[in-house]
Amino acid sequence: MSTGASSRVLTSLGRQALRHRRLLSAGLFAGAVACALAVLAPPSAPTVSVVVATRPLDAGVQLRPADLRTVHRPVGSTPGALTSSDTAVGRVLAGTVGAGEALTAGRLVGPALASGLGARGHVAAPVRLADPDVAALLHAGDLVDVILASGAESKVVAASVVAPSARVVAVVNAGSDDALGTTSSPTDGALVVLDVPRSQALDLARAAAVGPLSVLLVG
């Protein structure tokens, strides 16, 4: 091999070695940066399983498996959320729920609902309706205006709204218990449990002592 050819080979080898050194240095630098970031970055926050709605759901809907899914969210981000969809399937929603919104026991018709209502100044108020056929038309989640009818000699001469836009929590069949533990007697009239502000519950109690109550379905 000539001297010129040898020189060119050596020059090429030197350039390749330099390029490899640069690539090696860059790789080592990137690795060092990744290690530093791993050390400095805070650890991942612990998560917990949370049951959420797969779509917007209306009050009064009886939940099906397709309505629910389980996701992982940071611990403490959704206090009281259900952790298994099995505990919600077949239950009835007491209020509307948005897509992706976490479900809690207080959002479902049941014993926990009353305590959930109290947190926002509402109560679950049992109301006796004069006509059981009217109660048979109602379902959990319906909105009703509670009406007090007054009159003389079996004739209604006046009617007034006692509790507007009250949410039906449960309708209790005669002789049975509802999810809140309320019992309806077959002789006392139909019993409906309503979600109302505490002040309206007092109005309902006073109205029940005056005359028969009925409802108008408004939503």
C-alpha atoms as a PDB file:
ATOM      1  CA  MET A   1       0.000   0.000   0.000  1.00  0.00           C
ATOM      2  CA  SER A   2       1.325   3.444  -0.883  1.00  0.00           C
ATOM      3  CA  THR A   3       2.078   6.049   1.672  1.00  0.00           C
ATOM      4  CA  GLY A   4      -0.793   8.227   0.411  1.00  0.00           C
ATOM      5  CA  ALA A   5      -3.281   5.390   0.628  1.00  0.00           C
ATOM      6  CA  SER A   6      -2.136   4.526   4.132  1.00  0.00           C
ATOM      7  CA  SER A   7      -2.527   8.130   5.175  1.00  0.00           C
ATOM      8  CA  ARG A   8      -6.072   8.249   3.828  1.00  0.00           C
ATOM      9  CA  VAL A   9      -7.007   5.047   5.659  1.00  0.00           C
ATOM     10  CA  LEU A  10      -5.586   6.345   8.902  1.00  0.00           C
ATOM     11  CA  THR A  11      -7.427   9.633   8.459  1.00  0.00           C
ATOM     12  CA  SER A  12     -10.731   7.781   7.828  1.00  0.00           C
ATOM     13  CA  LEU A  13     -10.220   5.569  10.865  1.00  0.00           C
ATOM     14  CA  GLY A  14      -9.477   8.594  12.989  1.00  0.00           C
ATOM     15  CA  ARG A  15     -12.647  10.336  11.853  1.00  0.00           C
ATOM     16  CA  GLN A  16     -14.743   7.242  12.583  1.00  0.00           C
ATOM     17  CA  ALA A  17     -13.185   6.892  16.013  1.00  0.00           C
ATOM     18  CA  LEU A  18     -13.898  10.568  16.739  1.00  0.00           C
ATOM     19  CA  ARG A  19     -17.507  10.164  15.597  1.00  0.00           C
ATOM     20  CA  HIS A  20     -17.961   7.087  17.784  1.00  0.00           C
ATOM     21  CA  ARG A  21     -16.441   8.916  20.755  1.00  0.00           C
ATOM     22  CA  ARG A  22     -18.888  11.753  20.240  1.00  0.00           C
ATOM     23  CA  LEU A  23     -21.859   9.369  20.018  1.00  0.00           C
ATOM     24  CA  LEU A  24     -20.619   7.521  23.109  1.00  0.00           C
ATOM     25  CA  SER A  25     -20.213  10.792  24.995  1.00  0.00           C
ATOM     26  CA  ALA A  26     -23.711  11.915  23.969  1.00  0.00           C
ATOM     27  CA  GLY A  27     -25.191   8.584  25.089  1.00  0.00           C
ATOM     28  CA  LEU A  28     -23.410   8.758  28.424  1.00  0.00           C
ATOM     29  CA  PHE A  29     -24.570  12.348  28.926  1.00  0.00           C
ATOM     30  CA  ALA A  30     -28.186  11.440  28.116  1.00  0.00           C
ATOM     31  CA  GLY A  31     -28.018   8.523  30.525  1.00  0.00           C
ATOM     32  CA  ALA A  32     -26.633  10.748  33.255  1.00  0.00           C
ATOM     33  CA  VAL A  33     -29.428  13.293  32.692  1.00  0.00           C
ATOM     34  CA  ALA A  34     -32.099  10.547  32.822  1.00  0.00           C
ATOM     35  CA  CYS A  35     -30.649   9.233  36.080  1.00  0.00           C
ATOM     36  CA  ALA A  36     -30.574  12.724  37.566  1.00  0.00           C
ATOM     37  CA  LEU A  37     -34.194  13.353  36.588  1.00  0.00           C
ATOM     38  CA  ALA A  38     -35.257  10.031  38.077  1.00  0.00           C
ATOM     39  CA  VAL A  39     -33.596  10.988  41.341  1.00  0.00           C
ATOM     40  CA  LEU A  40     -34.999  14.519  41.413  1.00  0.00           C
ATOM     41  CA  ALA A  41     -38.529  13.729  40.164  1.00  0.00           C
ATOM     42  CA  PRO A  42     -41.118  13.160  42.917  1.00  0.00           C
ATOM     43  CA  PRO A  43     -42.448   9.606  43.259  1.00  0.00           C
ATOM     44  CA  SER A  44     -45.759   8.799  41.555  1.00  0.00           C
ATOM     45  CA  ALA A  45     -48.773   9.563  43.734  1.00  0.00           C
ATOM     46  CA  PRO A  46     -50.587   6.473  45.044  1.00  0.00           C
ATOM     47  CA  THR A  47     -53.898   5.775  43.319  1.00  0.00           C
ATOM     48  CA  VAL A  48     -57.135   4.005  44.183  1.00  0.00           C
ATOM     49  CA  SER A  49     -59.888   2.401  42.108  1.00  0.00           C
ATOM     50  CA  VAL A  50     -62.880   4.688  41.579  1.00  0.00           C
ATOM     51  CA  VAL A  51     -66.227   3.901  39.933  1.00  0.00           C
ATOM     52  CA  VAL A  52     -67.320   6.542  37.393  1.00  0.00           C
ATOM     53  CA  ALA A  53     -70.216   6.921  34.968  1.00  0.00           C
ATOM     54  CA  THR A  54     -69.491   6.039  31.348  1.00  0.00           C
ATOM     55  CA  ARG A  55     -72.088   8.551  30.111  1.00  0.00           C
ATOM     56  CA  PRO A  56     -74.456  11.242  31.443  1.00  0.00           C
ATOM     57  CA  LEU A  57     -77.158   9.594  33.549  1.00  0.00           C
ATOM     58  CA  ASP A  58     -80.476  10.985  34.773  1.00  0.00           C
ATOM     59  CA  ALA A  59     -81.895  10.733  38.257  1.00  0.00           C
ATOM     60  CA  GLY A  60     -84.021   7.648  38.743  1.00  0.00           C
ATOM     61  CA  VAL A  61     -81.916   5.466  36.415  1.00  0.00           C
ATOM     62  CA  GLN A  62     -81.292   1.918  37.601  1.00  0.00           C
ATOM     63  CA  LEU A  63     -77.593   1.376  36.980  1.00  0.00           C
ATOM     64  CA  ARG A  64     -76.380  -1.326  34.584  1.00  0.00           C
ATOM     65  CA  PRO A  65     -72.827  -2.633  34.102  1.00  0.00           C
ATOM     66  CA  ALA A  66     -72.524  -0.660  30.835  1.00  0.00           C
ATOM     67  CA  ASP A  67     -73.205   2.583  32.747  1.00  0.00           C
ATOM     68  CA  LEU A  68     -70.115   2.187  34.912  1.00  0.00           C
ATOM     69  CA  ARG A  69     -66.374   1.670  34.665  1.00  0.00           C
ATOM     70  CA  THR A  70     -63.479   1.632  37.097  1.00  0.00           C
ATOM     71  CA  VAL A  71     -60.568   4.078  36.804  1.00  0.00           C
ATOM     72  CA  HIS A  72     -57.527   4.890  38.951  1.00  0.00           C
ATOM     73  CA  ARG A  73     -57.313   8.311  40.563  1.00  0.00           C
ATOM     74  CA  PRO A  74     -55.013   9.829  43.197  1.00  0.00           C
ATOM     75  CA  VAL A  75     -55.862   8.838  46.750  1.00  0.00           C
ATOM     76  CA  GLY A  76     -58.055  11.505  48.374  1.00  0.00           C
ATOM     77  CA  SER A  77     -59.113  13.155  45.109  1.00  0.00           C
ATOM     78  CA  THR A  78     -62.649  11.707  45.276  1.00  0.00           C
ATOM     79  CA  PRO A  79     -63.607  11.168  48.923  1.00  0.00           C
ATOM     80  CA  GLY A  80     -66.254   8.528  49.482  1.00  0.00           C
ATOM     81  CA  ALA A  81     -66.205   7.237  45.901  1.00  0.00           C
ATOM     82  CA  LEU A  82     -67.261   3.649  45.315  1.00  0.00           C
ATOM     83  CA  THR A  83     -64.355   1.344  44.508  1.00  0.00           C
ATOM     84  CA  SER A  84     -66.225  -1.517  42.847  1.00  0.00           C
ATOM     85  CA  SER A  85     -68.978  -1.312  40.244  1.00  0.00           C
ATOM     86  CA  ASP A  86     -70.580  -4.414  41.796  1.00  0.00           C
ATOM     87  CA  THR A  87     -71.762  -2.237  44.684  1.00  0.00           C
ATOM     88  CA  ALA A  88     -73.622   0.107  42.304  1.00  0.00           C
ATOM     89  CA  VAL A  89     -75.130  -2.161  39.637  1.00  0.00           C
ATOM     90  CA  GLY A  90     -78.881  -2.437  40.174  1.00  0.00           C
ATOM     91  CA  ARG A  91     -79.033   0.641  42.427  1.00  0.00           C
ATOM     92  CA  VAL A  92     -81.055   3.758  41.568  1.00  0.00           C
ATOM     93  CA  LEU A  93     -79.520   7.195  41.095  1.00  0.00           C
ATOM     94  CA  ALA A  94     -80.933   9.911  43.332  1.00  0.00           C
ATOM     95  CA  GLY A  95     -79.598  12.710  41.102  1.00  0.00           C
ATOM     96  CA  THR A  96     -78.076  13.334  37.706  1.00  0.00           C
ATOM     97  CA  VAL A  97     -74.467  12.245  37.076  1.00  0.00           C
ATOM     98  CA  GLY A  98     -72.114  13.470  34.344  1.00  0.00           C
ATOM     99  CA  ALA A  99     -69.857  11.317  32.180  1.00  0.00           C
ATOM    100  CA  GLY A 100     -66.675  10.476  34.090  1.00  0.00           C
ATOM    101  CA  GLU A 101     -68.144  11.643  37.392  1.00  0.00           C
ATOM    102  CA  ALA A 102     -67.327   9.485  40.406  1.00  0.00           C
ATOM    103  CA  LEU A 103     -70.166   7.748  42.201  1.00  0.00           C
ATOM    104  CA  THR A 104     -70.585   7.812  45.965  1.00  0.00           C
ATOM    105  CA  ALA A 105     -73.099   6.007  48.164  1.00  0.00           C
ATOM    106  CA  GLY A 106     -74.790   9.354  48.765  1.00  0.00           C
ATOM    107  CA  ARG A 107     -75.651   9.634  45.052  1.00  0.00           C
ATOM    108  CA  LEU A 108     -77.705   6.423  45.212  1.00  0.00           C
ATOM    109  CA  VAL A 109     -81.095   5.796  46.755  1.00  0.00           C
ATOM    110  CA  GLY A 110     -80.357   4.157  50.090  1.00  0.00           C
ATOM    111  CA  PRO A 111     -79.454   4.810  53.726  1.00  0.00           C
ATOM    112  CA  ALA A 112     -76.405   6.924  52.861  1.00  0.00           C
ATOM    113  CA  LEU A 113     -78.545   9.334  50.851  1.00  0.00           C
ATOM    114  CA  ALA A 114     -80.037  11.055  53.882  1.00  0.00           C
ATOM    115  CA  SER A 115     -76.617  11.959  55.283  1.00  0.00           C
ATOM    116  CA  GLY A 116     -75.560  13.171  51.861  1.00  0.00           C
ATOM    117  CA  LEU A 117     -78.600  15.427  51.660  1.00  0.00           C
ATOM    118  CA  GLY A 118     -77.844  16.876  55.088  1.00  0.00           C
ATOM    119  CA  ALA A 119     -74.424  18.015  53.872  1.00  0.00           C
ATOM    120  CA  ARG A 120     -76.135  20.522  51.561  1.00  0.00           C
ATOM    121  CA  GLY A 121     -78.977  21.560  53.880  1.00  0.00           C
ATOM    122  CA  HIS A 122     -81.560  19.135  52.532  1.00  0.00           C
ATOM    123  CA  VAL A 123     -83.499  16.318  54.170  1.00  0.00           C
ATOM    124  CA  ALA A 124     -85.357  13.211  53.039  1.00  0.00           C
ATOM    125  CA  ALA A 125     -88.974  14.040  53.875  1.00  0.00           C
ATOM    126  CA  PRO A 126     -91.651  11.290  53.857  1.00  0.00           C
ATOM    127  CA  VAL A 127     -94.959  12.649  52.513  1.00  0.00           C
ATOM    128  CA  ARG A 128     -98.351  10.910  52.546  1.00  0.00           C
ATOM    129  CA  LEU A 129    -100.339  11.433  49.358  1.00  0.00           C
ATOM    130  CA  ALA A 130    -104.110  11.298  49.395  1.00  0.00           C
ATOM    131  CA  ASP A 131    -104.359   9.303  46.164  1.00  0.00           C
ATOM    132  CA  PRO A 132    -102.249   6.111  45.931  1.00  0.00           C
ATOM    133  CA  ASP A 133    -102.796   6.022  42.169  1.00  0.00           C
ATOM    134  CA  VAL A 134    -100.859   9.287  41.879  1.00  0.00           C
ATOM    135  CA  ALA A 135     -97.952   7.810  43.838  1.00  0.00           C
ATOM    136  CA  ALA A 136     -97.965   4.795  41.504  1.00  0.00           C
ATOM    137  CA  LEU A 137     -97.059   7.141  38.633  1.00  0.00           C
ATOM    138  CA  LEU A 138     -93.924   8.391  40.382  1.00  0.00           C
ATOM    139  CA  HIS A 139     -90.366   7.064  40.221  1.00  0.00           C
ATOM    140  CA  ALA A 140     -87.126   7.953  41.992  1.00  0.00           C
ATOM    141  CA  GLY A 141     -85.626  11.015  40.344  1.00  0.00           C
ATOM    142  CA  ASP A 142     -88.920  12.648  39.308  1.00  0.00           C
ATOM    143  CA  LEU A 143     -89.467  16.333  40.088  1.00  0.00           C
ATOM    144  CA  VAL A 144     -92.831  17.225  41.603  1.00  0.00           C
ATOM    145  CA  ASP A 145     -94.689  20.206  43.020  1.00  0.00           C
ATOM    146  CA  VAL A 146     -96.380  19.234  46.277  1.00  0.00           C
ATOM    147  CA  ILE A 147     -99.910  20.640  46.404  1.00  0.00           C
ATOM    148  CA  LEU A 148    -102.094  21.342  49.440  1.00  0.00           C
ATOM    149  CA  ALA A 149    -105.792  21.354  48.646  1.00  0.00           C
ATOM    150  CA  SER A 150    -108.218  22.966  51.080  1.00  0.00           C
ATOM    151  CA  GLY A 151    -111.958  23.315  51.003  1.00  0.00           C
ATOM    152  CA  ALA A 152    -115.234  22.708  52.762  1.00  0.00           C
ATOM    153  CA  GLU A 153    -117.883  19.985  52.596  1.00  0.00           C
ATOM    154  CA  SER A 154    -115.691  17.742  50.392  1.00  0.00           C
ATOM    155  CA  LYS A 155    -115.234  20.497  47.817  1.00  0.00           C
ATOM    156  CA  VAL A 156    -111.807  21.881  46.980  1.00  0.00           C
ATOM    157  CA  VAL A 157    -111.948  25.663  46.983  1.00  0.00           C
ATOM    158  CA  ALA A 158    -108.232  26.445  46.995  1.00  0.00           C
ATOM    159  CA  ALA A 159    -104.905  24.809  46.231  1.00  0.00           C
ATOM    160  CA  SER A 160    -101.371  26.024  46.852  1.00  0.00           C
ATOM    161  CA  VAL A 161     -97.852  24.793  46.147  1.00  0.00           C
ATOM    162  CA  VAL A 162     -96.177  23.799  49.394  1.00  0.00           C
ATOM    163  CA  ALA A 163     -92.875  22.470  48.010  1.00  0.00           C
ATOM    164  CA  PRO A 164     -91.955  23.309  44.406  1.00  0.00           C
ATOM    165  CA  SER A 165     -89.573  21.107  42.373  1.00  0.00           C
ATOM    166  CA  ALA A 166     -89.063  18.464  45.060  1.00  0.00           C
ATOM    167  CA  ARG A 167     -87.028  15.456  43.955  1.00  0.00           C
ATOM    168  CA  VAL A 168     -88.587  12.011  44.497  1.00  0.00           C
ATOM    169  CA  VAL A 169     -86.102   9.819  46.371  1.00  0.00           C
ATOM    170  CA  ALA A 170     -88.283   6.740  46.781  1.00  0.00           C
ATOM    171  CA  VAL A 171     -91.870   5.555  46.440  1.00  0.00           C
ATOM    172  CA  VAL A 172     -92.870   3.142  49.205  1.00  0.00           C
ATOM    173  CA  ASN A 173     -95.359   0.400  48.439  1.00  0.00           C
ATOM    174  CA  ALA A 174     -98.036  -0.178  51.041  1.00  0.00           C
ATOM    175  CA  GLY A 175     -96.859  -2.490  53.804  1.00  0.00           C
ATOM    176  CA  SER A 176     -93.206  -2.507  52.672  1.00  0.00           C
ATOM    177  CA  ASP A 177     -89.981  -0.775  53.630  1.00  0.00           C
ATOM    178  CA  ASP A 178     -88.080   1.500  51.252  1.00  0.00           C
ATOM    179  CA  ALA A 179     -84.318   1.822  50.945  1.00  0.00           C
ATOM    180  CA  LEU A 180     -84.320   4.466  53.687  1.00  0.00           C
ATOM    181  CA  GLY A 181     -86.079   2.171  56.153  1.00  0.00           C
ATOM    182  CA  THR A 182     -89.453   3.959  55.904  1.00  0.00           C
ATOM    183  CA  THR A 183     -92.593   1.823  56.108  1.00  0.00           C
ATOM    184  CA  SER A 184     -95.906   2.553  54.380  1.00  0.00           C
ATOM    185  CA  SER A 185     -99.195   1.433  55.884  1.00  0.00           C
ATOM    186  CA  PRO A 186    -102.014   0.414  53.512  1.00  0.00           C
ATOM    187  CA  THR A 187    -104.477   2.556  55.488  1.00  0.00           C
ATOM    188  CA  ASP A 188    -102.464   5.768  55.763  1.00  0.00           C
ATOM    189  CA  GLY A 189    -102.238   6.652  52.078  1.00  0.00           C
ATOM    190  CA  ALA A 190     -99.320   6.379  49.696  1.00  0.00           C
ATOM    191  CA  LEU A 191     -95.902   7.359  51.024  1.00  0.00           C
ATOM    192  CA  VAL A 192     -93.348   9.221  48.909  1.00  0.00           C
ATOM    193  CA  VAL A 193     -89.903  10.258  50.165  1.00  0.00           C
ATOM    194  CA  LEU A 194     -88.786  13.648  48.819  1.00  0.00           C
ATOM    195  CA  ASP A 195     -85.456  15.492  48.687  1.00  0.00           C
ATOM    196  CA  VAL A 196     -86.265  19.025  49.899  1.00  0.00           C
ATOM    197  CA  PRO A 197     -84.551  21.895  51.734  1.00  0.00           C
ATOM    198  CA  ARG A 198     -85.005  21.696  55.491  1.00  0.00           C
ATOM    199  CA  SER A 199     -87.316  24.763  55.498  1.00  0.00           C
ATOM    200  CA  GLN A 200     -89.612  23.107  52.949  1.00  0.00           C
ATOM    201  CA  ALA A 201     -89.755  19.970  55.091  1.00  0.00           C
ATOM    202  CA  LEU A 202     -91.259  22.057  57.882  1.00  0.00           C
ATOM    203  CA  ASP A 203     -93.801  23.509  55.438  1.00  0.00           C
ATOM    204  CA  LEU A 204     -94.693  19.982  54.343  1.00  0.00           C
ATOM    205  CA  ALA A 205     -95.222  18.883  57.945  1.00  0.00           C
ATOM    206  CA  ARG A 206     -97.529  21.818  58.606  1.00  0.00           C
ATOM    207  CA  ALA A 207     -99.437  21.274  55.353  1.00  0.00           C
ATOM    208  CA  ALA A 208     -99.944  17.570  56.108  1.00  0.00           C
ATOM    209  CA  ALA A 209    -101.729  18.561  59.311  1.00  0.00           C
ATOM    210  CA  VAL A 210    -104.081  20.904  57.417  1.00  0.00           C
ATOM    211  CA  GLY A 211    -105.369  18.842  54.528  1.00  0.00           C
ATOM    212  CA  PRO A 212    -104.670  16.177  51.898  1.00  0.00           C
ATOM    213  CA  LEU A 213    -101.525  16.489  49.824  1.00  0.00           C
ATOM    214  CA  SER A 214    -101.069  15.714  46.164  1.00  0.00           C
ATOM    215  CA  VAL A 215     -98.359  16.323  43.563  1.00  0.00           C
ATOM    216  CA  LEU A 216     -97.923  17.645  40.056  1.00  0.00           C
ATOM    217  CA  LEU A 217     -95.233  15.966  37.961  1.00  0.00           C
ATOM    218  CA  VAL A 218     -92.982  18.728  36.606  1.00  0.00           C
ATOM    219  CA  GLY A 219     -89.882  16.853  35.420  1.00  0.00           C
END
